């Protein structure tokens, strides 16, 4: 399989706090990979580094063989949900997605509507985003990350603020995208969903990425 994401000796610190110290990671096309770690360990920062939103202090990040910061500033074909997406509060969810889609011009209104319906959002709903619940905003963010048929999908806490039924819907959608051969990276505090989705998982320990195998699970969860 093709190497689609590669981190080589990547380090990052904020002030006196070292988040990552010469980490290495290779993700191949079509893999679903999960990342776990306590609050403040740097899961969101890792995704921001991979997408060019913040620079690494040292090391190389290659997406589809292109080096971030040298060959390109932001990788192409990547759908992102990191932190809270910014929307125009006085527009509907569909109108916001429509405007975002016009930047690339790759998809039709019908494709946007289909993506919304996958996550249980009504494209005809005229409710302004400012009146959306946290769960509706989260679903809108996931739609934004997948609607343009992105090759790589990076989701930071996609299950945040969702109820049990919606969690199942999101999991079903992600499993379908995985079957289509998309490469998916995600974090979650909900271990069960990661176990169901991921081919492998990493935990963040002592500024390193450590494979979260059965031995490591026993270490984490044993009383």
N, C-alpha and C. Protein backbone atom coordinates (compact mmCIF):
# COMPACT_ATOMS: atom_id res chain seq x y z
N UNK A 1 0.84 -1.21 0.00
CA UNK A 1 0.00 0.00 0.00
C UNK A 1 0.87 1.25 0.00
N UNK A 2 0.33 2.31 -0.57
CA UNK A 2 1.07 3.56 -0.65
C UNK A 2 1.15 4.24 0.71
N UNK A 3 2.31 4.80 1.00
CA UNK A 3 2.44 5.64 2.19
C UNK A 3 1.79 6.98 1.90
N UNK A 4 0.75 7.32 2.66
CA UNK A 4 0.00 8.54 2.37
C UNK A 4 0.36 9.67 3.34
N UNK A 5 0.73 9.31 4.57
CA UNK A 5 1.17 10.29 5.56
C UNK A 5 2.46 9.76 6.20
N UNK A 6 3.45 10.63 6.30
CA UNK A 6 4.71 10.23 6.92
C UNK A 6 5.27 11.38 7.74
N UNK A 7 5.53 11.12 9.01
CA UNK A 7 6.19 12.07 9.90
C UNK A 7 7.58 11.54 10.20
N UNK A 8 8.59 12.41 10.02
CA UNK A 8 9.97 11.98 10.23
C UNK A 8 10.64 12.91 11.23
N UNK A 9 10.92 12.36 12.42
CA UNK A 9 11.65 13.09 13.46
C UNK A 9 11.00 14.45 13.78
N UNK A 10 9.69 14.43 13.95
CA UNK A 10 8.94 15.67 14.19
C UNK A 10 8.97 16.02 15.68
N UNK A 11 9.29 17.28 15.97
CA UNK A 11 9.28 17.79 17.34
C UNK A 11 8.46 19.06 17.40
N UNK A 12 7.79 19.25 18.57
CA UNK A 12 7.01 20.45 18.77
C UNK A 12 6.96 20.77 20.26
N UNK A 13 7.16 22.05 20.56
CA UNK A 13 7.04 22.50 21.93
C UNK A 13 6.34 23.85 21.97
N UNK A 14 5.73 24.14 23.10
CA UNK A 14 5.14 25.44 23.36
C UNK A 14 5.76 25.96 24.64
N UNK A 15 6.59 26.98 24.52
CA UNK A 15 7.31 27.48 25.70
C UNK A 15 8.20 26.40 26.28
N UNK A 16 8.02 26.11 27.56
CA UNK A 16 8.83 25.10 28.21
C UNK A 16 8.25 23.70 28.07
N UNK A 17 7.06 23.58 27.49
CA UNK A 17 6.39 22.28 27.41
C UNK A 17 6.69 21.60 26.08
N UNK A 18 7.31 20.44 26.15
CA UNK A 18 7.59 19.64 24.95
C UNK A 18 6.41 18.71 24.73
N UNK A 19 5.74 18.83 23.56
CA UNK A 19 4.65 17.93 23.23
C UNK A 19 5.14 16.70 22.49
N UNK A 20 6.02 16.91 21.53
CA UNK A 20 6.54 15.81 20.73
C UNK A 20 8.05 15.95 20.58
N UNK A 21 8.73 14.83 20.73
CA UNK A 21 10.18 14.82 20.68
C UNK A 21 10.65 13.77 19.67
N UNK A 22 10.93 14.22 18.45
CA UNK A 22 11.43 13.35 17.39
C UNK A 22 10.53 12.13 17.17
N UNK A 23 9.26 12.39 16.86
CA UNK A 23 8.33 11.28 16.61
C UNK A 23 8.36 10.89 15.13
N UNK A 24 8.07 9.62 14.89
CA UNK A 24 7.99 9.08 13.54
C UNK A 24 6.68 8.33 13.39
N UNK A 25 6.08 8.46 12.21
CA UNK A 25 4.79 7.82 11.98
C UNK A 25 4.61 7.62 10.48
N UNK A 26 4.11 6.44 10.12
CA UNK A 26 3.77 6.16 8.73
C UNK A 26 2.36 5.60 8.67
N UNK A 27 1.53 6.21 7.83
CA UNK A 27 0.16 5.75 7.64
C UNK A 27 -0.02 5.44 6.16
N UNK A 28 -0.55 4.26 5.86
CA UNK A 28 -0.72 3.86 4.48
C UNK A 28 -2.15 4.13 4.01
N UNK A 29 -2.30 4.20 2.71
CA UNK A 29 -3.58 4.52 2.10
C UNK A 29 -4.65 3.52 2.54
N UNK A 30 -5.81 4.04 2.94
CA UNK A 30 -6.93 3.19 3.31
C UNK A 30 -6.97 2.78 4.77
N UNK A 31 -5.96 3.15 5.55
CA UNK A 31 -5.96 2.80 6.97
C UNK A 31 -6.88 3.74 7.76
N UNK A 32 -7.42 3.20 8.84
CA UNK A 32 -8.10 4.02 9.83
C UNK A 32 -7.28 3.94 11.11
N UNK A 33 -6.80 5.07 11.57
CA UNK A 33 -5.86 5.11 12.69
C UNK A 33 -6.41 6.02 13.78
N UNK A 34 -6.41 5.52 15.01
CA UNK A 34 -6.88 6.30 16.14
C UNK A 34 -5.75 6.77 17.03
N UNK A 35 -5.98 7.88 17.70
CA UNK A 35 -4.99 8.45 18.62
C UNK A 35 -5.68 8.75 19.95
N UNK A 36 -5.08 8.28 21.03
CA UNK A 36 -5.65 8.53 22.34
C UNK A 36 -4.59 9.16 23.23
N UNK A 37 -5.07 9.78 24.29
CA UNK A 37 -4.17 10.44 25.23
C UNK A 37 -4.97 11.38 26.09
N UNK A 38 -4.46 11.71 27.24
CA UNK A 38 -5.16 12.61 28.14
C UNK A 38 -5.24 14.02 27.59
N UNK A 39 -6.07 14.82 28.22
CA UNK A 39 -6.18 16.23 27.83
C UNK A 39 -4.83 16.91 27.96
N UNK A 40 -4.47 17.68 26.93
CA UNK A 40 -3.21 18.40 26.97
C UNK A 40 -2.01 17.64 26.48
N UNK A 41 -2.22 16.39 26.03
CA UNK A 41 -1.08 15.61 25.54
C UNK A 41 -0.71 15.94 24.11
N UNK A 42 -1.60 16.64 23.38
CA UNK A 42 -1.21 17.11 22.06
C UNK A 42 -1.89 16.42 20.90
N UNK A 43 -3.03 15.79 21.12
CA UNK A 43 -3.71 15.11 20.01
C UNK A 43 -4.13 16.12 18.93
N UNK A 44 -4.76 17.21 19.36
CA UNK A 44 -5.20 18.21 18.38
C UNK A 44 -4.00 18.86 17.70
N UNK A 45 -2.95 19.10 18.44
CA UNK A 45 -1.74 19.71 17.87
C UNK A 45 -1.15 18.80 16.80
N UNK A 46 -1.15 17.50 17.04
CA UNK A 46 -0.63 16.56 16.05
C UNK A 46 -1.40 16.69 14.74
N UNK A 47 -2.72 16.77 14.82
CA UNK A 47 -3.53 16.91 13.61
C UNK A 47 -3.29 18.26 12.94
N UNK A 48 -3.09 19.30 13.73
CA UNK A 48 -2.81 20.62 13.15
C UNK A 48 -1.46 20.62 12.42
N UNK A 49 -0.49 19.91 12.96
CA UNK A 49 0.81 19.80 12.30
C UNK A 49 0.66 19.06 10.97
N UNK A 50 -0.12 17.97 10.98
CA UNK A 50 -0.30 17.17 9.77
C UNK A 50 -1.01 17.92 8.65
N UNK A 51 -1.80 18.92 9.02
CA UNK A 51 -2.58 19.65 8.02
C UNK A 51 -2.02 21.02 7.70
N UNK A 52 -0.86 21.34 8.24
CA UNK A 52 -0.21 22.60 7.92
C UNK A 52 -0.77 23.80 8.66
N UNK A 53 -1.65 23.56 9.64
CA UNK A 53 -2.24 24.68 10.37
C UNK A 53 -1.25 25.30 11.34
N UNK A 54 -0.35 24.50 11.88
CA UNK A 54 0.76 25.02 12.66
C UNK A 54 2.02 24.28 12.23
N UNK A 55 3.19 24.92 12.29
CA UNK A 55 4.41 24.26 11.85
C UNK A 55 5.03 23.41 12.96
N UNK A 56 5.72 22.37 12.56
CA UNK A 56 6.56 21.64 13.51
C UNK A 56 7.81 22.47 13.77
N UNK A 57 8.44 22.27 14.92
CA UNK A 57 9.70 22.97 15.20
C UNK A 57 10.84 22.35 14.39
N UNK A 58 10.78 21.07 14.20
CA UNK A 58 11.77 20.37 13.37
C UNK A 58 11.17 19.09 12.84
N UNK A 59 11.81 18.52 11.83
CA UNK A 59 11.32 17.29 11.22
C UNK A 59 10.57 17.56 9.93
N UNK A 60 10.11 16.48 9.30
CA UNK A 60 9.42 16.56 8.03
C UNK A 60 8.04 15.93 8.13
N UNK A 61 7.08 16.55 7.45
CA UNK A 61 5.73 16.01 7.32
C UNK A 61 5.45 15.87 5.84
N UNK A 62 5.21 14.65 5.39
CA UNK A 62 4.92 14.39 3.98
C UNK A 62 3.51 13.85 3.84
N UNK A 63 2.73 14.49 2.98
CA UNK A 63 1.39 14.05 2.66
C UNK A 63 1.37 13.72 1.17
N UNK A 64 1.11 12.45 0.85
CA UNK A 64 1.17 12.01 -0.55
C UNK A 64 2.51 12.36 -1.19
N UNK A 65 3.57 12.24 -0.41
CA UNK A 65 4.91 12.47 -0.93
C UNK A 65 5.33 13.92 -1.01
N UNK A 66 4.43 14.84 -0.69
CA UNK A 66 4.76 16.27 -0.74
C UNK A 66 5.05 16.78 0.66
N UNK A 67 6.15 17.51 0.79
CA UNK A 67 6.58 18.00 2.10
C UNK A 67 5.85 19.30 2.44
N UNK A 68 5.18 19.29 3.60
CA UNK A 68 4.50 20.50 4.06
C UNK A 68 5.53 21.58 4.38
N UNK A 69 5.20 22.81 3.96
CA UNK A 69 6.10 23.93 4.19
C UNK A 69 7.15 24.09 3.13
N UNK A 70 7.25 23.10 2.22
CA UNK A 70 8.22 23.20 1.12
C UNK A 70 7.52 23.01 -0.22
N UNK A 71 6.91 21.84 -0.42
CA UNK A 71 6.20 21.58 -1.67
C UNK A 71 4.80 22.20 -1.66
N UNK A 72 4.21 22.29 -0.48
CA UNK A 72 2.89 22.88 -0.33
C UNK A 72 2.71 23.32 1.12
N UNK A 73 1.87 24.33 1.32
CA UNK A 73 1.61 24.80 2.68
C UNK A 73 0.47 24.03 3.34
N UNK A 74 -0.53 23.69 2.53
CA UNK A 74 -1.66 22.92 3.03
C UNK A 74 -1.90 21.75 2.09
N UNK A 75 -2.04 20.55 2.63
CA UNK A 75 -2.20 19.38 1.75
C UNK A 75 -3.53 19.37 1.03
N UNK A 76 -3.52 18.88 -0.19
CA UNK A 76 -4.75 18.76 -0.97
C UNK A 76 -5.48 17.46 -0.61
N UNK A 77 -6.79 17.48 -0.82
CA UNK A 77 -7.56 16.26 -0.64
C UNK A 77 -7.70 15.80 0.79
N UNK A 78 -7.66 16.76 1.73
CA UNK A 78 -7.78 16.43 3.15
C UNK A 78 -9.00 17.12 3.74
N UNK A 79 -9.88 16.36 4.35
CA UNK A 79 -11.02 16.90 5.07
C UNK A 79 -10.71 16.95 6.55
N UNK A 80 -11.05 18.05 7.19
CA UNK A 80 -10.58 18.31 8.56
C UNK A 80 -11.73 18.71 9.47
N UNK A 81 -11.77 18.10 10.64
CA UNK A 81 -12.58 18.60 11.75
C UNK A 81 -11.64 18.72 12.95
N UNK A 82 -11.20 19.94 13.23
CA UNK A 82 -10.32 20.21 14.36
C UNK A 82 -10.87 21.41 15.11
N UNK A 83 -11.09 21.23 16.40
CA UNK A 83 -11.68 22.27 17.24
C UNK A 83 -13.07 22.63 16.69
N UNK A 84 -13.52 23.84 16.87
CA UNK A 84 -14.86 24.24 16.44
C UNK A 84 -14.77 24.98 15.11
N UNK A 85 -15.34 24.41 14.03
CA UNK A 85 -15.29 25.11 12.74
C UNK A 85 -16.00 26.46 12.83
N UNK A 86 -15.50 27.42 12.07
CA UNK A 86 -16.12 28.73 12.03
C UNK A 86 -17.15 28.81 10.92
N UNK A 87 -18.33 29.28 11.26
CA UNK A 87 -19.38 29.42 10.27
C UNK A 87 -19.95 30.83 10.30
N UNK A 88 -20.65 31.20 9.24
CA UNK A 88 -21.38 32.46 9.24
C UNK A 88 -22.69 32.22 9.98
N UNK A 89 -22.80 32.79 11.14
CA UNK A 89 -23.87 32.45 12.08
C UNK A 89 -25.27 32.72 11.55
N UNK A 90 -25.40 33.67 10.64
CA UNK A 90 -26.73 34.07 10.18
C UNK A 90 -27.16 33.32 8.91
N UNK A 91 -26.35 32.37 8.48
CA UNK A 91 -26.72 31.53 7.35
C UNK A 91 -27.12 30.14 7.84
N UNK A 92 -27.87 29.43 7.03
CA UNK A 92 -28.25 28.06 7.36
C UNK A 92 -27.03 27.13 7.20
N UNK A 93 -27.17 25.91 7.69
CA UNK A 93 -26.09 24.94 7.53
C UNK A 93 -25.77 24.69 6.07
N UNK A 94 -26.81 24.48 5.25
CA UNK A 94 -26.58 24.23 3.83
C UNK A 94 -25.89 25.40 3.15
N UNK A 95 -26.32 26.62 3.46
CA UNK A 95 -25.72 27.80 2.84
C UNK A 95 -24.24 27.90 3.22
N UNK A 96 -23.91 27.62 4.46
CA UNK A 96 -22.50 27.63 4.88
C UNK A 96 -21.68 26.61 4.10
N UNK A 97 -22.19 25.40 3.98
CA UNK A 97 -21.46 24.36 3.25
C UNK A 97 -21.35 24.70 1.77
N UNK A 98 -22.41 25.28 1.24
CA UNK A 98 -22.41 25.68 -0.17
C UNK A 98 -21.31 26.71 -0.44
N UNK A 99 -21.17 27.66 0.44
CA UNK A 99 -20.14 28.69 0.27
C UNK A 99 -18.74 28.09 0.39
N UNK A 100 -18.55 27.18 1.34
CA UNK A 100 -17.25 26.53 1.49
C UNK A 100 -16.91 25.69 0.25
N UNK A 101 -17.91 25.01 -0.29
CA UNK A 101 -17.69 24.16 -1.46
C UNK A 101 -17.31 24.97 -2.69
N UNK A 102 -17.74 26.22 -2.75
CA UNK A 102 -17.43 27.07 -3.91
C UNK A 102 -15.95 27.41 -4.01
N UNK A 103 -15.22 27.27 -2.90
CA UNK A 103 -13.78 27.58 -2.91
C UNK A 103 -13.06 26.65 -3.88
N UNK A 104 -13.38 25.35 -3.79
CA UNK A 104 -12.75 24.38 -4.69
C UNK A 104 -13.57 24.15 -5.95
N UNK A 105 -14.88 24.26 -5.82
CA UNK A 105 -15.74 24.04 -6.98
C UNK A 105 -15.77 22.61 -7.47
N UNK A 106 -15.59 21.65 -6.53
CA UNK A 106 -15.49 20.24 -6.93
C UNK A 106 -16.80 19.48 -6.84
N UNK A 107 -17.78 20.02 -6.11
CA UNK A 107 -19.01 19.25 -5.88
C UNK A 107 -20.24 20.10 -6.16
N UNK A 108 -21.34 19.41 -6.39
CA UNK A 108 -22.61 20.06 -6.69
C UNK A 108 -23.43 20.25 -5.42
N UNK A 109 -24.49 21.04 -5.53
CA UNK A 109 -25.40 21.22 -4.41
C UNK A 109 -26.02 19.88 -3.99
N UNK A 110 -26.28 19.02 -4.96
CA UNK A 110 -26.89 17.72 -4.65
C UNK A 110 -25.94 16.86 -3.82
N UNK A 111 -24.66 16.96 -4.10
CA UNK A 111 -23.68 16.19 -3.31
C UNK A 111 -23.60 16.73 -1.88
N UNK A 112 -23.70 18.03 -1.73
CA UNK A 112 -23.73 18.61 -0.38
C UNK A 112 -24.95 18.11 0.38
N UNK A 113 -26.09 18.13 -0.28
CA UNK A 113 -27.33 17.67 0.36
C UNK A 113 -27.23 16.21 0.76
N UNK A 114 -26.66 15.39 -0.11
CA UNK A 114 -26.52 13.97 0.21
C UNK A 114 -25.64 13.76 1.43
N UNK A 115 -24.54 14.52 1.51
CA UNK A 115 -23.64 14.40 2.66
C UNK A 115 -24.34 14.83 3.94
N UNK A 116 -25.15 15.89 3.87
CA UNK A 116 -25.89 16.34 5.05
C UNK A 116 -26.87 15.26 5.51
N UNK A 117 -27.56 14.66 4.57
CA UNK A 117 -28.55 13.65 4.91
C UNK A 117 -27.91 12.42 5.54
N UNK A 118 -26.68 12.11 5.15
CA UNK A 118 -25.96 10.99 5.77
C UNK A 118 -25.85 11.17 7.28
N UNK A 119 -25.68 12.41 7.71
CA UNK A 119 -25.50 12.71 9.13
C UNK A 119 -26.80 13.18 9.79
N UNK A 120 -27.92 13.03 9.08
CA UNK A 120 -29.21 13.36 9.68
C UNK A 120 -29.52 14.84 9.71
N UNK A 121 -28.88 15.63 8.86
CA UNK A 121 -29.18 17.06 8.76
C UNK A 121 -30.08 17.30 7.55
N UNK A 122 -31.07 18.16 7.71
CA UNK A 122 -32.01 18.46 6.63
C UNK A 122 -31.49 19.65 5.82
N UNK A 123 -31.13 19.44 4.55
CA UNK A 123 -30.62 20.56 3.73
C UNK A 123 -31.65 21.68 3.55
N UNK A 124 -32.92 21.36 3.70
CA UNK A 124 -33.97 22.36 3.51
C UNK A 124 -34.23 23.19 4.78
N UNK A 125 -33.62 22.80 5.87
CA UNK A 125 -33.83 23.49 7.15
C UNK A 125 -33.21 24.89 7.07
N UNK A 126 -34.02 25.91 7.27
CA UNK A 126 -33.55 27.30 7.16
C UNK A 126 -33.03 27.86 8.49
N UNK A 127 -32.97 27.02 9.51
CA UNK A 127 -32.48 27.49 10.81
C UNK A 127 -31.07 28.05 10.69
N UNK A 128 -30.86 29.23 11.26
CA UNK A 128 -29.52 29.83 11.23
C UNK A 128 -28.58 29.03 12.12
N UNK A 129 -27.31 28.95 11.71
CA UNK A 129 -26.32 28.18 12.47
C UNK A 129 -26.18 28.69 13.90
N UNK A 130 -26.43 29.97 14.11
CA UNK A 130 -26.30 30.52 15.46
C UNK A 130 -27.29 29.86 16.43
N UNK A 131 -28.35 29.27 15.89
CA UNK A 131 -29.35 28.60 16.73
C UNK A 131 -29.14 27.09 16.78
N UNK A 132 -28.08 26.59 16.16
CA UNK A 132 -27.79 25.16 16.20
C UNK A 132 -27.37 24.74 17.60
N UNK A 133 -27.73 23.54 17.97
CA UNK A 133 -27.20 22.93 19.18
C UNK A 133 -25.75 22.52 18.95
N UNK A 134 -25.05 22.19 20.02
CA UNK A 134 -23.66 21.73 19.88
C UNK A 134 -23.59 20.48 19.01
N UNK A 135 -24.56 19.58 19.18
CA UNK A 135 -24.58 18.37 18.39
C UNK A 135 -24.77 18.64 16.91
N UNK A 136 -25.67 19.58 16.57
CA UNK A 136 -25.89 19.92 15.17
C UNK A 136 -24.65 20.57 14.56
N UNK A 137 -23.97 21.41 15.32
CA UNK A 137 -22.73 22.02 14.83
C UNK A 137 -21.67 20.94 14.57
N UNK A 138 -21.62 19.96 15.47
CA UNK A 138 -20.64 18.89 15.31
C UNK A 138 -20.93 18.09 14.04
N UNK A 139 -22.19 17.77 13.81
CA UNK A 139 -22.55 17.04 12.60
C UNK A 139 -22.23 17.85 11.35
N UNK A 140 -22.47 19.16 11.41
CA UNK A 140 -22.16 20.02 10.27
C UNK A 140 -20.65 20.01 10.00
N UNK A 141 -19.85 19.99 11.07
CA UNK A 141 -18.40 19.93 10.90
C UNK A 141 -17.94 18.63 10.27
N UNK A 142 -18.59 17.53 10.63
CA UNK A 142 -18.23 16.24 10.01
C UNK A 142 -18.60 16.24 8.54
N UNK A 143 -19.79 16.78 8.23
CA UNK A 143 -20.20 16.88 6.82
C UNK A 143 -19.18 17.68 6.03
N UNK A 144 -18.74 18.80 6.58
CA UNK A 144 -17.74 19.62 5.89
C UNK A 144 -16.47 18.83 5.60
N UNK A 145 -16.09 17.93 6.52
CA UNK A 145 -14.85 17.17 6.36
C UNK A 145 -14.95 16.05 5.34
N UNK A 146 -16.17 15.60 5.03
CA UNK A 146 -16.30 14.45 4.13
C UNK A 146 -17.00 14.77 2.80
N UNK A 147 -17.61 15.95 2.68
CA UNK A 147 -18.53 16.18 1.57
C UNK A 147 -17.84 16.28 0.21
N UNK A 148 -16.55 16.61 0.19
CA UNK A 148 -15.86 16.80 -1.09
C UNK A 148 -15.06 15.56 -1.50
N UNK A 149 -15.47 14.40 -0.95
CA UNK A 149 -14.86 13.12 -1.30
C UNK A 149 -13.35 13.13 -1.03
N UNK A 150 -12.97 13.72 0.09
CA UNK A 150 -11.56 13.86 0.42
C UNK A 150 -10.90 12.49 0.60
N UNK A 151 -9.68 12.40 0.13
CA UNK A 151 -8.92 11.15 0.23
C UNK A 151 -8.51 10.85 1.67
N UNK A 152 -8.18 11.91 2.40
CA UNK A 152 -7.78 11.79 3.80
C UNK A 152 -8.79 12.56 4.65
N UNK A 153 -9.28 11.92 5.71
CA UNK A 153 -10.24 12.55 6.60
C UNK A 153 -9.66 12.56 8.01
N UNK A 154 -9.52 13.74 8.59
CA UNK A 154 -8.91 13.91 9.90
C UNK A 154 -9.95 14.52 10.84
N UNK A 155 -10.34 13.74 11.85
CA UNK A 155 -11.43 14.14 12.74
C UNK A 155 -10.95 14.14 14.18
N UNK A 156 -10.98 15.30 14.79
CA UNK A 156 -10.60 15.45 16.19
C UNK A 156 -11.87 15.41 17.05
N UNK A 157 -12.02 14.34 17.81
CA UNK A 157 -13.20 14.15 18.68
C UNK A 157 -14.51 14.29 17.90
N UNK A 158 -14.73 13.46 16.88
CA UNK A 158 -15.96 13.59 16.10
C UNK A 158 -17.22 13.24 16.90
N UNK A 159 -17.07 12.47 17.99
CA UNK A 159 -18.24 12.07 18.78
C UNK A 159 -18.60 13.08 19.86
N UNK A 160 -17.86 14.15 19.95
CA UNK A 160 -18.12 15.15 20.97
C UNK A 160 -19.51 15.76 20.80
N UNK A 161 -20.27 15.82 21.89
CA UNK A 161 -21.59 16.48 21.94
C UNK A 161 -22.67 15.73 21.19
N UNK A 162 -22.41 14.48 20.76
CA UNK A 162 -23.42 13.72 20.04
C UNK A 162 -24.10 12.71 20.97
N UNK A 163 -25.37 12.44 20.71
CA UNK A 163 -26.06 11.44 21.51
C UNK A 163 -25.76 10.04 20.97
N UNK A 164 -26.25 9.03 21.69
CA UNK A 164 -25.92 7.65 21.35
C UNK A 164 -26.36 7.29 19.94
N UNK A 165 -27.58 7.69 19.57
CA UNK A 165 -28.09 7.36 18.24
C UNK A 165 -27.22 7.99 17.15
N UNK A 166 -26.85 9.25 17.34
CA UNK A 166 -26.01 9.93 16.34
C UNK A 166 -24.61 9.33 16.30
N UNK A 167 -24.09 8.90 17.45
CA UNK A 167 -22.80 8.22 17.47
C UNK A 167 -22.82 7.00 16.56
N UNK A 168 -23.91 6.25 16.62
CA UNK A 168 -24.03 5.07 15.76
C UNK A 168 -24.07 5.47 14.29
N UNK A 169 -24.78 6.56 13.98
CA UNK A 169 -24.86 7.03 12.60
C UNK A 169 -23.49 7.46 12.08
N UNK A 170 -22.74 8.18 12.92
CA UNK A 170 -21.40 8.62 12.53
C UNK A 170 -20.49 7.42 12.31
N UNK A 171 -20.57 6.45 13.20
CA UNK A 171 -19.75 5.25 13.06
C UNK A 171 -20.07 4.53 11.76
N UNK A 172 -21.35 4.41 11.44
CA UNK A 172 -21.77 3.75 10.19
C UNK A 172 -21.20 4.48 8.98
N UNK A 173 -21.28 5.81 8.98
CA UNK A 173 -20.75 6.59 7.87
C UNK A 173 -19.23 6.39 7.74
N UNK A 174 -18.52 6.43 8.86
CA UNK A 174 -17.07 6.26 8.82
C UNK A 174 -16.67 4.87 8.34
N UNK A 175 -17.42 3.86 8.75
CA UNK A 175 -17.15 2.51 8.27
C UNK A 175 -17.35 2.42 6.75
N UNK A 176 -18.37 3.09 6.25
CA UNK A 176 -18.60 3.10 4.80
C UNK A 176 -17.47 3.81 4.07
N UNK A 177 -17.01 4.93 4.62
CA UNK A 177 -15.90 5.65 4.00
C UNK A 177 -14.62 4.82 4.03
N UNK A 178 -14.43 4.10 5.12
CA UNK A 178 -13.27 3.21 5.21
C UNK A 178 -13.33 2.12 4.14
N UNK A 179 -14.52 1.56 3.93
CA UNK A 179 -14.69 0.54 2.91
C UNK A 179 -14.43 1.09 1.51
N UNK A 180 -14.65 2.39 1.34
CA UNK A 180 -14.37 3.03 0.05
C UNK A 180 -12.88 3.26 -0.17
N UNK A 181 -12.07 3.02 0.87
CA UNK A 181 -10.63 3.20 0.74
C UNK A 181 -10.11 4.53 1.21
N UNK A 182 -10.96 5.32 1.89
CA UNK A 182 -10.47 6.59 2.44
C UNK A 182 -9.51 6.31 3.60
N UNK A 183 -8.58 7.21 3.80
CA UNK A 183 -7.68 7.15 4.95
C UNK A 183 -8.27 8.04 6.04
N UNK A 184 -8.48 7.47 7.23
CA UNK A 184 -9.17 8.19 8.30
C UNK A 184 -8.29 8.22 9.55
N UNK A 185 -8.14 9.41 10.11
CA UNK A 185 -7.45 9.60 11.38
C UNK A 185 -8.44 10.23 12.35
N UNK A 186 -8.50 9.72 13.57
CA UNK A 186 -9.42 10.31 14.52
C UNK A 186 -8.95 10.12 15.95
N UNK A 187 -9.43 11.03 16.78
CA UNK A 187 -9.25 10.91 18.21
C UNK A 187 -10.63 10.77 18.85
N UNK A 188 -10.67 10.14 20.00
CA UNK A 188 -11.92 10.06 20.74
C UNK A 188 -11.63 9.58 22.15
N UNK A 189 -12.44 10.06 23.08
CA UNK A 189 -12.39 9.53 24.44
C UNK A 189 -13.27 8.29 24.56
N UNK A 190 -14.00 7.96 23.51
CA UNK A 190 -14.89 6.81 23.54
C UNK A 190 -14.20 5.62 22.90
N UNK A 191 -13.55 4.83 23.74
CA UNK A 191 -12.69 3.74 23.32
C UNK A 191 -13.42 2.73 22.42
N UNK A 192 -14.69 2.46 22.71
CA UNK A 192 -15.41 1.45 21.96
C UNK A 192 -15.52 1.76 20.48
N UNK A 193 -15.72 3.04 20.15
CA UNK A 193 -15.84 3.41 18.75
C UNK A 193 -14.50 3.30 18.02
N UNK A 194 -13.42 3.64 18.71
CA UNK A 194 -12.10 3.49 18.10
C UNK A 194 -11.79 2.02 17.84
N UNK A 195 -12.13 1.16 18.79
CA UNK A 195 -11.90 -0.28 18.60
C UNK A 195 -12.67 -0.80 17.39
N UNK A 196 -13.87 -0.28 17.20
CA UNK A 196 -14.70 -0.75 16.08
C UNK A 196 -14.18 -0.26 14.73
N UNK A 197 -13.61 0.94 14.71
CA UNK A 197 -13.23 1.57 13.45
C UNK A 197 -11.78 1.35 13.04
N UNK A 198 -10.89 1.35 14.01
CA UNK A 198 -9.47 1.54 13.69
C UNK A 198 -8.72 0.25 13.40
N UNK A 199 -7.84 0.33 12.41
CA UNK A 199 -6.92 -0.77 12.14
C UNK A 199 -5.81 -0.82 13.18
N UNK A 200 -5.44 0.35 13.68
CA UNK A 200 -4.46 0.43 14.75
C UNK A 200 -4.63 1.76 15.47
N UNK A 201 -4.09 1.81 16.68
CA UNK A 201 -4.19 3.01 17.50
C UNK A 201 -2.84 3.33 18.12
N UNK A 202 -2.66 4.62 18.40
CA UNK A 202 -1.46 5.08 19.10
C UNK A 202 -1.88 5.86 20.33
N UNK A 203 -1.09 5.73 21.38
CA UNK A 203 -1.26 6.59 22.55
C UNK A 203 -0.06 7.53 22.64
N UNK A 204 -0.27 8.63 23.30
CA UNK A 204 0.78 9.63 23.44
C UNK A 204 1.36 9.52 24.84
N UNK A 205 2.64 9.17 24.93
CA UNK A 205 3.30 8.98 26.21
C UNK A 205 4.69 9.59 26.16
N UNK A 206 4.99 10.42 27.12
CA UNK A 206 6.35 10.97 27.24
C UNK A 206 6.87 11.56 25.94
N UNK A 207 6.00 12.36 25.30
CA UNK A 207 6.31 13.07 24.05
C UNK A 207 6.54 12.15 22.85
N UNK A 208 6.07 10.90 22.96
CA UNK A 208 6.23 9.94 21.87
C UNK A 208 4.89 9.35 21.48
N UNK A 209 4.83 8.79 20.28
CA UNK A 209 3.69 7.99 19.85
C UNK A 209 4.01 6.53 20.09
N UNK A 210 3.15 5.85 20.84
CA UNK A 210 3.38 4.46 21.20
C UNK A 210 2.21 3.64 20.67
N UNK A 211 2.51 2.54 19.99
CA UNK A 211 1.46 1.68 19.45
C UNK A 211 0.59 1.16 20.59
N UNK A 212 -0.70 1.36 20.47
CA UNK A 212 -1.64 0.96 21.52
C UNK A 212 -2.11 -0.47 21.23
N UNK A 213 -1.25 -1.42 21.55
CA UNK A 213 -1.55 -2.83 21.31
C UNK A 213 -2.20 -3.44 22.54
N UNK A 214 -2.42 -4.75 22.51
CA UNK A 214 -3.11 -5.41 23.63
C UNK A 214 -2.34 -5.26 24.93
N UNK A 215 -1.03 -5.34 24.86
CA UNK A 215 -0.22 -5.18 26.07
C UNK A 215 -0.40 -3.78 26.66
N UNK A 216 -0.42 -2.77 25.79
CA UNK A 216 -0.58 -1.40 26.26
C UNK A 216 -2.00 -1.18 26.82
N UNK A 217 -3.00 -1.83 26.22
CA UNK A 217 -4.35 -1.72 26.73
C UNK A 217 -4.45 -2.29 28.13
N UNK A 218 -3.78 -3.40 28.37
CA UNK A 218 -3.79 -3.98 29.71
C UNK A 218 -3.15 -3.03 30.71
N UNK A 219 -2.10 -2.37 30.28
CA UNK A 219 -1.41 -1.41 31.15
C UNK A 219 -2.32 -0.24 31.49
N UNK A 220 -3.09 0.21 30.50
CA UNK A 220 -3.96 1.37 30.70
C UNK A 220 -5.16 1.03 31.57
N UNK A 221 -5.78 -0.13 31.33
CA UNK A 221 -7.09 -0.40 31.89
C UNK A 221 -7.09 -1.37 33.07
N UNK A 222 -5.96 -1.95 33.39
CA UNK A 222 -5.93 -2.87 34.53
C UNK A 222 -6.06 -2.06 35.83
N UNK A 223 -6.74 -2.64 36.81
CA UNK A 223 -6.97 -1.96 38.08
C UNK A 223 -5.77 -2.16 39.01
